[in-house]
Amino acid sequence: MFRSPRAETLPIDSVKPSVVFDAYARKIGLFGDDAKKDQFPDAFIFEVLKAGATKRDPLTIISDDKDFTAAIKDAEHITWLKSIADLFAELGLTIEAAPDVEDFVENNLDQIVAIVHNELNQWSLQVSDVDDGEIEDSTVEHVRFVDFRTFRTAGARKDILVVGRIEMDVKVSYHHPDWDTATYDSEDKLLLPHHTVEGEKNIDVEADFSMTLKVDQHGKPTSIAEFSFDHDDFIWVSIGPNELDY
């Protein structure tokens, strides 16, 4: 799979472990203030990349891992971008299709809601604020594009690639043990719930997305070819009470 893009595999044998352990002890580089031990693999990789970056052959790291921000501060000839879209923008590959895309979104909102709903249900929303809580069903009722950028795809069709962030109003049904009425088992040192709480509520979910639009002979968007979320950092949601519940 690496032959086509002519990728080069870099061995980490040349990295001295003492360099990485020193960074961990001093809380610098990828370790930062938290000094997380799970950063060790990335720290070795970063040292290899850093050694190969030169003024003549600079390096761009593309990752949504915010730990790279601190790591490259003292590294010469290395820049950090969050996504491929940022790289395209850095290279000046954006296109002025925003007005056309905005019109398309406004005129096809129902279709977009249905597509986003289908994509969301390919994922599994997880409850973050109530122990043993589960989402039974989720329905996307409204969407709003927070921001987006547009790019022309390669090939003869000249489709439009749209990348950005979307906000979804999602109605969820859920259940979880009723911890408020649970009794405490002092012998086993645990709470024993006796009832189950069931309910429905609307929650706001935000996610980064990519969408490809087919275009007509004039370059105007006509339909959605593909839609997907870029990562899974949105799946943890809160179902606990908020101000609107009272």
C-alpha atoms as a PDB file:
ATOM      1  CA  MET A   1       0.000   0.000   0.000  1.00  0.00           C
ATOM      2  CA  PHE A   2       3.011   2.313   0.439  1.00  0.00           C
ATOM      3  CA  ARG A   3       4.446   1.804  -3.058  1.00  0.00           C
ATOM      4  CA  SER A   4       1.951   3.931  -4.942  1.00  0.00           C
ATOM      5  CA  PRO A   5       2.562   7.165  -2.961  1.00  0.00           C
ATOM      6  CA  ARG A   6       6.305   6.287  -2.802  1.00  0.00           C
ATOM      7  CA  ALA A   7       6.244   6.481   0.973  1.00  0.00           C
ATOM      8  CA  GLU A   8       9.461   5.959   2.883  1.00  0.00           C
ATOM      9  CA  THR A   9       9.552   3.804   5.990  1.00  0.00           C
ATOM     10  CA  LEU A  10      11.765   5.283   8.693  1.00  0.00           C
ATOM     11  CA  PRO A  11      13.324   2.972  11.311  1.00  0.00           C
ATOM     12  CA  ILE A  12      13.448   4.163  14.907  1.00  0.00           C
ATOM     13  CA  ASP A  13      16.645   2.260  15.739  1.00  0.00           C
ATOM     14  CA  SER A  14      18.668   5.461  15.484  1.00  0.00           C
ATOM     15  CA  VAL A  15      16.727   7.152  18.298  1.00  0.00           C
ATOM     16  CA  LYS A  16      18.442   6.981  21.653  1.00  0.00           C
ATOM     17  CA  PRO A  17      15.949   5.945  24.366  1.00  0.00           C
ATOM     18  CA  SER A  18      17.683   8.355  26.742  1.00  0.00           C
ATOM     19  CA  VAL A  19      16.513  11.286  24.588  1.00  0.00           C
ATOM     20  CA  VAL A  20      12.874  10.225  24.886  1.00  0.00           C
ATOM     21  CA  PHE A  21      13.119   9.411  28.615  1.00  0.00           C
ATOM     22  CA  ASP A  22      14.736  12.795  29.211  1.00  0.00           C
ATOM     23  CA  ALA A  23      11.803  14.507  27.486  1.00  0.00           C
ATOM     24  CA  TYR A  24       9.411  12.493  29.659  1.00  0.00           C
ATOM     25  CA  ALA A  25      11.235  13.419  32.849  1.00  0.00           C
ATOM     26  CA  ARG A  26      11.376  17.110  31.921  1.00  0.00           C
ATOM     27  CA  LYS A  27       7.789  17.141  30.601  1.00  0.00           C
ATOM     28  CA  ILE A  28       8.768  18.611  27.251  1.00  0.00           C
ATOM     29  CA  GLY A  29       8.055  17.728  23.659  1.00  0.00           C
ATOM     30  CA  LEU A  30       5.103  15.393  23.230  1.00  0.00           C
ATOM     31  CA  PHE A  31       4.786  14.766  26.958  1.00  0.00           C
ATOM     32  CA  GLY A  32       3.919  18.301  28.032  1.00  0.00           C
ATOM     33  CA  ASP A  33       2.541  19.009  31.480  1.00  0.00           C
ATOM     34  CA  ASP A  34       0.585  15.753  31.705  1.00  0.00           C
ATOM     35  CA  ALA A  35       3.637  13.577  30.912  1.00  0.00           C
ATOM     36  CA  LYS A  36       1.379  10.795  29.634  1.00  0.00           C
ATOM     37  CA  LYS A  37       3.134   7.454  29.278  1.00  0.00           C
ATOM     38  CA  ASP A  38       1.052   6.531  26.233  1.00  0.00           C
ATOM     39  CA  GLN A  39       2.968   9.181  24.275  1.00  0.00           C
ATOM     40  CA  PHE A  40       6.144   7.108  24.166  1.00  0.00           C
ATOM     41  CA  PRO A  41       5.467   5.542  20.725  1.00  0.00           C
ATOM     42  CA  ASP A  42       4.702   8.965  19.225  1.00  0.00           C
ATOM     43  CA  ALA A  43       7.756  10.438  20.960  1.00  0.00           C
ATOM     44  CA  PHE A  44      10.088   7.951  19.242  1.00  0.00           C
ATOM     45  CA  ILE A  45       8.392   8.617  15.901  1.00  0.00           C
ATOM     46  CA  PHE A  46       8.693  12.367  16.393  1.00  0.00           C
ATOM     47  CA  GLU A  47      12.418  12.121  17.130  1.00  0.00           C
ATOM     48  CA  VAL A  48      12.969  10.237  13.862  1.00  0.00           C
ATOM     49  CA  LEU A  49      10.992  12.814  11.908  1.00  0.00           C
ATOM     50  CA  LYS A  50      12.713  15.710  13.628  1.00  0.00           C
ATOM     51  CA  ALA A  51      16.131  14.358  12.710  1.00  0.00           C
ATOM     52  CA  GLY A  52      15.191  14.262   9.038  1.00  0.00           C
ATOM     53  CA  ALA A  53      13.761  17.780   8.797  1.00  0.00           C
ATOM     54  CA  THR A  54      16.112  20.333   7.220  1.00  0.00           C
ATOM     55  CA  LYS A  55      15.887  23.817   5.768  1.00  0.00           C
ATOM     56  CA  ARG A  56      16.117  22.346   2.289  1.00  0.00           C
ATOM     57  CA  ASP A  57      13.690  19.521   3.059  1.00  0.00           C
ATOM     58  CA  PRO A  58      11.196  20.806   5.686  1.00  0.00           C
ATOM     59  CA  LEU A  59       8.573  18.589   7.242  1.00  0.00           C
ATOM     60  CA  THR A  60       4.833  19.048   7.678  1.00  0.00           C
ATOM     61  CA  ILE A  61       3.066  16.899  10.275  1.00  0.00           C
ATOM     62  CA  ILE A  62      -0.653  16.388   9.666  1.00  0.00           C
ATOM     63  CA  SER A  63      -2.457  15.234  12.799  1.00  0.00           C
ATOM     64  CA  ASP A  64      -5.335  16.339  14.996  1.00  0.00           C
ATOM     65  CA  ASP A  65      -3.269  15.391  18.053  1.00  0.00           C
ATOM     66  CA  LYS A  66      -2.871  18.714  19.883  1.00  0.00           C
ATOM     67  CA  ASP A  67       0.227  17.424  21.681  1.00  0.00           C
ATOM     68  CA  PHE A  68       2.210  18.117  18.515  1.00  0.00           C
ATOM     69  CA  THR A  69       1.608  21.849  19.002  1.00  0.00           C
ATOM     70  CA  ALA A  70       3.952  22.009  21.982  1.00  0.00           C
ATOM     71  CA  ALA A  71       6.378  19.476  20.521  1.00  0.00           C
ATOM     72  CA  ILE A  72       7.242  21.501  17.404  1.00  0.00           C
ATOM     73  CA  LYS A  73       7.778  24.817  19.211  1.00  0.00           C
ATOM     74  CA  ASP A  74      11.515  24.199  19.536  1.00  0.00           C
ATOM     75  CA  ALA A  75      11.831  22.029  16.436  1.00  0.00           C
ATOM     76  CA  GLU A  76      13.316  23.670  13.373  1.00  0.00           C
ATOM     77  CA  HIS A  77      11.891  23.209   9.886  1.00  0.00           C
ATOM     78  CA  ILE A  78       8.724  21.465  11.120  1.00  0.00           C
ATOM     79  CA  THR A  79       5.182  22.766  10.828  1.00  0.00           C
ATOM     80  CA  TRP A  80       1.983  21.207  12.169  1.00  0.00           C
ATOM     81  CA  LEU A  81      -1.393  21.134  10.443  1.00  0.00           C
ATOM     82  CA  LYS A  82      -4.552  19.624  11.859  1.00  0.00           C
ATOM     83  CA  SER A  83      -5.977  18.050   8.700  1.00  0.00           C
ATOM     84  CA  ILE A  84      -5.546  17.387   4.996  1.00  0.00           C
ATOM     85  CA  ALA A  85      -7.952  20.268   4.425  1.00  0.00           C
ATOM     86  CA  ASP A  86      -5.539  22.579   6.231  1.00  0.00           C
ATOM     87  CA  LEU A  87      -2.767  21.309   3.952  1.00  0.00           C
ATOM     88  CA  PHE A  88      -4.843  22.021   0.858  1.00  0.00           C
ATOM     89  CA  ALA A  89      -5.546  25.520   2.143  1.00  0.00           C
ATOM     90  CA  GLU A  90      -1.846  26.045   2.925  1.00  0.00           C
ATOM     91  CA  LEU A  91      -1.013  25.056  -0.664  1.00  0.00           C
ATOM     92  CA  GLY A  92      -3.644  27.420  -2.049  1.00  0.00           C
ATOM     93  CA  LEU A  93      -5.899  24.684  -3.422  1.00  0.00           C
ATOM     94  CA  THR A  94      -9.174  26.083  -2.078  1.00  0.00           C
ATOM     95  CA  ILE A  95     -11.848  27.125  -4.585  1.00  0.00           C
ATOM     96  CA  GLU A  96     -14.449  29.853  -4.485  1.00  0.00           C
ATOM     97  CA  ALA A  97     -17.452  27.522  -4.339  1.00  0.00           C
ATOM     98  CA  ALA A  98     -18.788  28.556  -0.940  1.00  0.00           C
ATOM     99  CA  PRO A  99     -21.793  30.549  -2.261  1.00  0.00           C
ATOM    100  CA  ASP A 100     -22.862  27.642  -4.494  1.00  0.00           C
ATOM    101  CA  VAL A 101     -22.498  25.182  -1.627  1.00  0.00           C
ATOM    102  CA  GLU A 102     -24.468  27.422   0.727  1.00  0.00           C
ATOM    103  CA  ASP A 103     -27.314  27.602  -1.799  1.00  0.00           C
ATOM    104  CA  PHE A 104     -27.194  23.825  -2.273  1.00  0.00           C
ATOM    105  CA  VAL A 105     -27.349  23.225   1.486  1.00  0.00           C
ATOM    106  CA  GLU A 106     -30.263  25.625   1.925  1.00  0.00           C
ATOM    107  CA  ASN A 107     -32.236  24.014  -0.909  1.00  0.00           C
ATOM    108  CA  ASN A 108     -31.525  20.406   0.100  1.00  0.00           C
ATOM    109  CA  LEU A 109     -31.637  20.567   3.888  1.00  0.00           C
ATOM    110  CA  ASP A 110     -34.106  17.707   4.320  1.00  0.00           C
ATOM    111  CA  GLN A 111     -31.953  15.401   2.212  1.00  0.00           C
ATOM    112  CA  ILE A 112     -28.841  16.423   4.137  1.00  0.00           C
ATOM    113  CA  VAL A 113     -30.565  15.745   7.474  1.00  0.00           C
ATOM    114  CA  ALA A 114     -31.474  12.246   6.257  1.00  0.00           C
ATOM    115  CA  ILE A 115     -27.931  11.527   5.066  1.00  0.00           C
ATOM    116  CA  VAL A 116     -26.390  12.819   8.298  1.00  0.00           C
ATOM    117  CA  HIS A 117     -28.902  10.740  10.283  1.00  0.00           C
ATOM    118  CA  ASN A 118     -27.906   7.578   8.389  1.00  0.00           C
ATOM    119  CA  GLU A 119     -24.205   8.298   8.907  1.00  0.00           C
ATOM    120  CA  LEU A 120     -24.656   9.020  12.623  1.00  0.00           C
ATOM    121  CA  ASN A 121     -26.417   5.719  13.095  1.00  0.00           C
ATOM    122  CA  GLN A 122     -23.399   3.904  11.678  1.00  0.00           C
ATOM    123  CA  TRP A 123     -21.683   4.994  14.871  1.00  0.00           C
ATOM    124  CA  SER A 124     -22.650   4.175  18.434  1.00  0.00           C
ATOM    125  CA  LEU A 125     -23.261   7.130  20.725  1.00  0.00           C
ATOM    126  CA  GLN A 126     -21.872   6.504  24.203  1.00  0.00           C
ATOM    127  CA  VAL A 127     -23.140   8.028  27.456  1.00  0.00           C
ATOM    128  CA  SER A 128     -20.395   9.980  29.225  1.00  0.00           C
ATOM    129  CA  ASP A 129     -22.070  11.344  32.364  1.00  0.00           C
ATOM    130  CA  VAL A 130     -24.240   8.529  33.808  1.00  0.00           C
ATOM    131  CA  ASP A 131     -22.821   5.152  34.813  1.00  0.00           C
ATOM    132  CA  ASP A 132     -24.176   2.239  32.777  1.00  0.00           C
ATOM    133  CA  GLY A 133     -26.265   4.600  30.656  1.00  0.00           C
ATOM    134  CA  GLU A 134     -27.085   3.493  27.121  1.00  0.00           C
ATOM    135  CA  ILE A 135     -28.461   5.258  24.062  1.00  0.00           C
ATOM    136  CA  GLU A 136     -31.240   3.155  22.554  1.00  0.00           C
ATOM    137  CA  ASP A 137     -32.092   5.250  19.528  1.00  0.00           C
ATOM    138  CA  SER A 138     -30.969   8.519  17.969  1.00  0.00           C
ATOM    139  CA  THR A 139     -32.664  10.682  15.359  1.00  0.00           C
ATOM    140  CA  VAL A 140     -31.062  13.697  13.697  1.00  0.00           C
ATOM    141  CA  GLU A 141     -33.781  16.369  13.523  1.00  0.00           C
ATOM    142  CA  HIS A 142     -31.830  19.439  12.400  1.00  0.00           C
ATOM    143  CA  VAL A 143     -28.319  20.267  11.207  1.00  0.00           C
ATOM    144  CA  ARG A 144     -26.289  23.443  10.957  1.00  0.00           C
ATOM    145  CA  PHE A 145     -22.982  23.873   9.181  1.00  0.00           C
ATOM    146  CA  VAL A 146     -20.730  25.667  11.677  1.00  0.00           C
ATOM    147  CA  ASP A 147     -18.006  26.283   9.092  1.00  0.00           C
ATOM    148  CA  PHE A 148     -16.654  24.642   5.960  1.00  0.00           C
ATOM    149  CA  ARG A 149     -14.120  24.987   3.166  1.00  0.00           C
ATOM    150  CA  THR A 150     -14.432  23.864  -0.428  1.00  0.00           C
ATOM    151  CA  PHE A 151     -11.939  22.160  -2.743  1.00  0.00           C
ATOM    152  CA  ARG A 152     -12.061  20.890  -6.305  1.00  0.00           C
ATOM    153  CA  THR A 153     -11.391  17.152  -6.498  1.00  0.00           C
ATOM    154  CA  ALA A 154      -8.939  15.641  -8.950  1.00  0.00           C
ATOM    155  CA  GLY A 155     -10.175  14.035 -12.146  1.00  0.00           C
ATOM    156  CA  ALA A 156     -12.370  14.994 -15.070  1.00  0.00           C
ATOM    157  CA  ARG A 157     -15.605  15.386 -13.081  1.00  0.00           C
ATOM    158  CA  LYS A 158     -14.347  18.307 -10.963  1.00  0.00           C
ATOM    159  CA  ASP A 159     -16.599  17.408  -8.033  1.00  0.00           C
ATOM    160  CA  ILE A 160     -16.536  19.622  -4.955  1.00  0.00           C
ATOM    161  CA  LEU A 161     -15.020  18.411  -1.695  1.00  0.00           C
ATOM    162  CA  VAL A 162     -16.518  20.138   1.358  1.00  0.00           C
ATOM    163  CA  VAL A 163     -14.792  19.788   4.730  1.00  0.00           C
ATOM    164  CA  GLY A 164     -15.781  21.480   7.955  1.00  0.00           C
ATOM    165  CA  ARG A 165     -17.769  21.130  11.150  1.00  0.00           C
ATOM    166  CA  ILE A 166     -21.449  20.375  11.539  1.00  0.00           C
ATOM    167  CA  GLU A 167     -23.792  20.783  14.488  1.00  0.00           C
ATOM    168  CA  MET A 168     -26.609  18.259  14.875  1.00  0.00           C
ATOM    169  CA  ASP A 169     -29.777  18.469  16.954  1.00  0.00           C
ATOM    170  CA  VAL A 170     -30.280  14.819  17.891  1.00  0.00           C
ATOM    171  CA  LYS A 171     -33.260  13.324  19.698  1.00  0.00           C
ATOM    172  CA  VAL A 172     -32.127  10.343  21.745  1.00  0.00           C
ATOM    173  CA  SER A 173     -33.927   7.752  23.795  1.00  0.00           C
ATOM    174  CA  TYR A 174     -31.939   6.281  26.656  1.00  0.00           C
ATOM    175  CA  HIS A 175     -32.025   4.230  29.811  1.00  0.00           C
ATOM    176  CA  HIS A 176     -29.808   3.860  32.865  1.00  0.00           C
ATOM    177  CA  PRO A 177     -30.026   2.460  36.414  1.00  0.00           C
ATOM    178  CA  ASP A 178     -31.759   4.746  38.907  1.00  0.00           C
ATOM    179  CA  TRP A 179     -28.752   5.573  41.027  1.00  0.00           C
ATOM    180  CA  ASP A 180     -30.699   8.135  43.085  1.00  0.00           C
ATOM    181  CA  THR A 181     -32.792   5.395  44.716  1.00  0.00           C
ATOM    182  CA  ALA A 182     -30.076   2.729  44.812  1.00  0.00           C
ATOM    183  CA  THR A 183     -29.063   1.158  48.130  1.00  0.00           C
ATOM    184  CA  TYR A 184     -25.497   0.694  49.272  1.00  0.00           C
ATOM    185  CA  ASP A 185     -24.190  -2.799  49.955  1.00  0.00           C
ATOM    186  CA  SER A 186     -21.608  -2.214  52.683  1.00  0.00           C
ATOM    187  CA  GLU A 187     -20.267  -5.755  52.450  1.00  0.00           C
ATOM    188  CA  ASP A 188     -19.510  -5.637  48.723  1.00  0.00           C
ATOM    189  CA  LYS A 189     -19.074  -1.841  48.794  1.00  0.00           C
ATOM    190  CA  LEU A 190     -21.265  -1.114  45.797  1.00  0.00           C
ATOM    191  CA  LEU A 191     -24.577   0.502  44.898  1.00  0.00           C
ATOM    192  CA  LEU A 192     -27.505  -1.737  44.030  1.00  0.00           C
ATOM    193  CA  PRO A 193     -30.057  -0.038  41.757  1.00  0.00           C
ATOM    194  CA  HIS A 194     -33.663  -1.244  42.005  1.00  0.00           C
ATOM    195  CA  HIS A 195     -35.208   0.694  39.147  1.00  0.00           C
ATOM    196  CA  THR A 196     -34.404   1.828  35.628  1.00  0.00           C
ATOM    197  CA  VAL A 197     -34.721   5.373  34.351  1.00  0.00           C
ATOM    198  CA  GLU A 198     -35.921   5.750  30.773  1.00  0.00           C
ATOM    199  CA  GLY A 199     -36.297   8.965  28.852  1.00  0.00           C
ATOM    200  CA  GLU A 200     -35.926  11.048  25.728  1.00  0.00           C
ATOM    201  CA  LYS A 201     -34.206  14.368  25.163  1.00  0.00           C
ATOM    202  CA  ASN A 202     -32.615  16.451  22.452  1.00  0.00           C
ATOM    203  CA  ILE A 203     -28.860  16.893  22.597  1.00  0.00           C
ATOM    204  CA  ASP A 204     -26.386  18.922  20.555  1.00  0.00           C
ATOM    205  CA  VAL A 205     -23.671  16.944  18.801  1.00  0.00           C
ATOM    206  CA  GLU A 206     -20.809  18.539  16.844  1.00  0.00           C
ATOM    207  CA  ALA A 207     -18.463  16.688  14.505  1.00  0.00           C
ATOM    208  CA  ASP A 208     -15.929  17.292  11.749  1.00  0.00           C
ATOM    209  CA  PHE A 209     -17.132  16.023   8.388  1.00  0.00           C
ATOM    210  CA  SER A 210     -16.193  15.505   4.744  1.00  0.00           C
ATOM    211  CA  MET A 211     -18.726  15.676   1.935  1.00  0.00           C
ATOM    212  CA  THR A 212     -18.337  15.246  -1.822  1.00  0.00           C
ATOM    213  CA  LEU A 213     -20.812  16.996  -4.106  1.00  0.00           C
ATOM    214  CA  LYS A 214     -21.435  16.049  -7.708  1.00  0.00           C
ATOM    215  CA  VAL A 215     -21.602  19.013 -10.087  1.00  0.00           C
ATOM    216  CA  ASP A 216     -23.197  19.821 -13.426  1.00  0.00           C
ATOM    217  CA  GLN A 217     -21.430  21.053 -16.569  1.00  0.00           C
ATOM    218  CA  HIS A 218     -21.270  24.535 -15.079  1.00  0.00           C
ATOM    219  CA  GLY A 219     -19.617  23.358 -11.863  1.00  0.00           C
ATOM    220  CA  LYS A 220     -22.750  23.844  -9.752  1.00  0.00           C
ATOM    221  CA  PRO A 221     -23.433  21.198  -7.073  1.00  0.00           C
ATOM    222  CA  THR A 222     -26.326  18.888  -7.895  1.00  0.00           C
ATOM    223  CA  SER A 223     -26.244  15.999  -5.403  1.00  0.00           C
ATOM    224  CA  ILE A 224     -24.338  14.454  -2.512  1.00  0.00           C
ATOM    225  CA  ALA A 225     -21.993  11.665  -3.562  1.00  0.00           C
ATOM    226  CA  GLU A 226     -20.459  10.924  -0.161  1.00  0.00           C
ATOM    227  CA  PHE A 227     -20.738  12.099   3.429  1.00  0.00           C
ATOM    228  CA  SER A 228     -18.689  10.920   6.407  1.00  0.00           C
ATOM    229  CA  PHE A 229     -17.463  12.027   9.808  1.00  0.00           C
ATOM    230  CA  ASP A 230     -13.711  12.474  10.022  1.00  0.00           C
ATOM    231  CA  HIS A 231     -13.180  10.886  13.444  1.00  0.00           C
ATOM    232  CA  ASP A 232     -15.064   9.565  16.459  1.00  0.00           C
ATOM    233  CA  ASP A 233     -14.463  12.258  19.081  1.00  0.00           C
ATOM    234  CA  PHE A 234     -18.160  13.200  18.984  1.00  0.00           C
ATOM    235  CA  ILE A 235     -19.630   9.881  20.113  1.00  0.00           C
ATOM    236  CA  TRP A 236     -19.477  10.610  23.868  1.00  0.00           C
ATOM    237  CA  VAL A 237     -22.619  12.527  24.805  1.00  0.00           C
ATOM    238  CA  SER A 238     -24.299  13.743  27.991  1.00  0.00           C
ATOM    239  CA  ILE A 239     -27.842  12.762  28.915  1.00  0.00           C
ATOM    240  CA  GLY A 240     -27.912  14.209  32.444  1.00  0.00           C
ATOM    241  CA  PRO A 241     -30.311  16.995  33.446  1.00  0.00           C
ATOM    242  CA  ASN A 242     -29.692  20.534  32.287  1.00  0.00           C
ATOM    243  CA  GLU A 243     -31.421  23.893  32.807  1.00  0.00           C
ATOM    244  CA  LEU A 244     -34.039  23.179  30.137  1.00  0.00           C
ATOM    245  CA  ASP A 245     -35.132  20.009  31.947  1.00  0.00           C
ATOM    246  CA  TYR A 246     -36.569  21.976  34.877  1.00  0.00           C
END
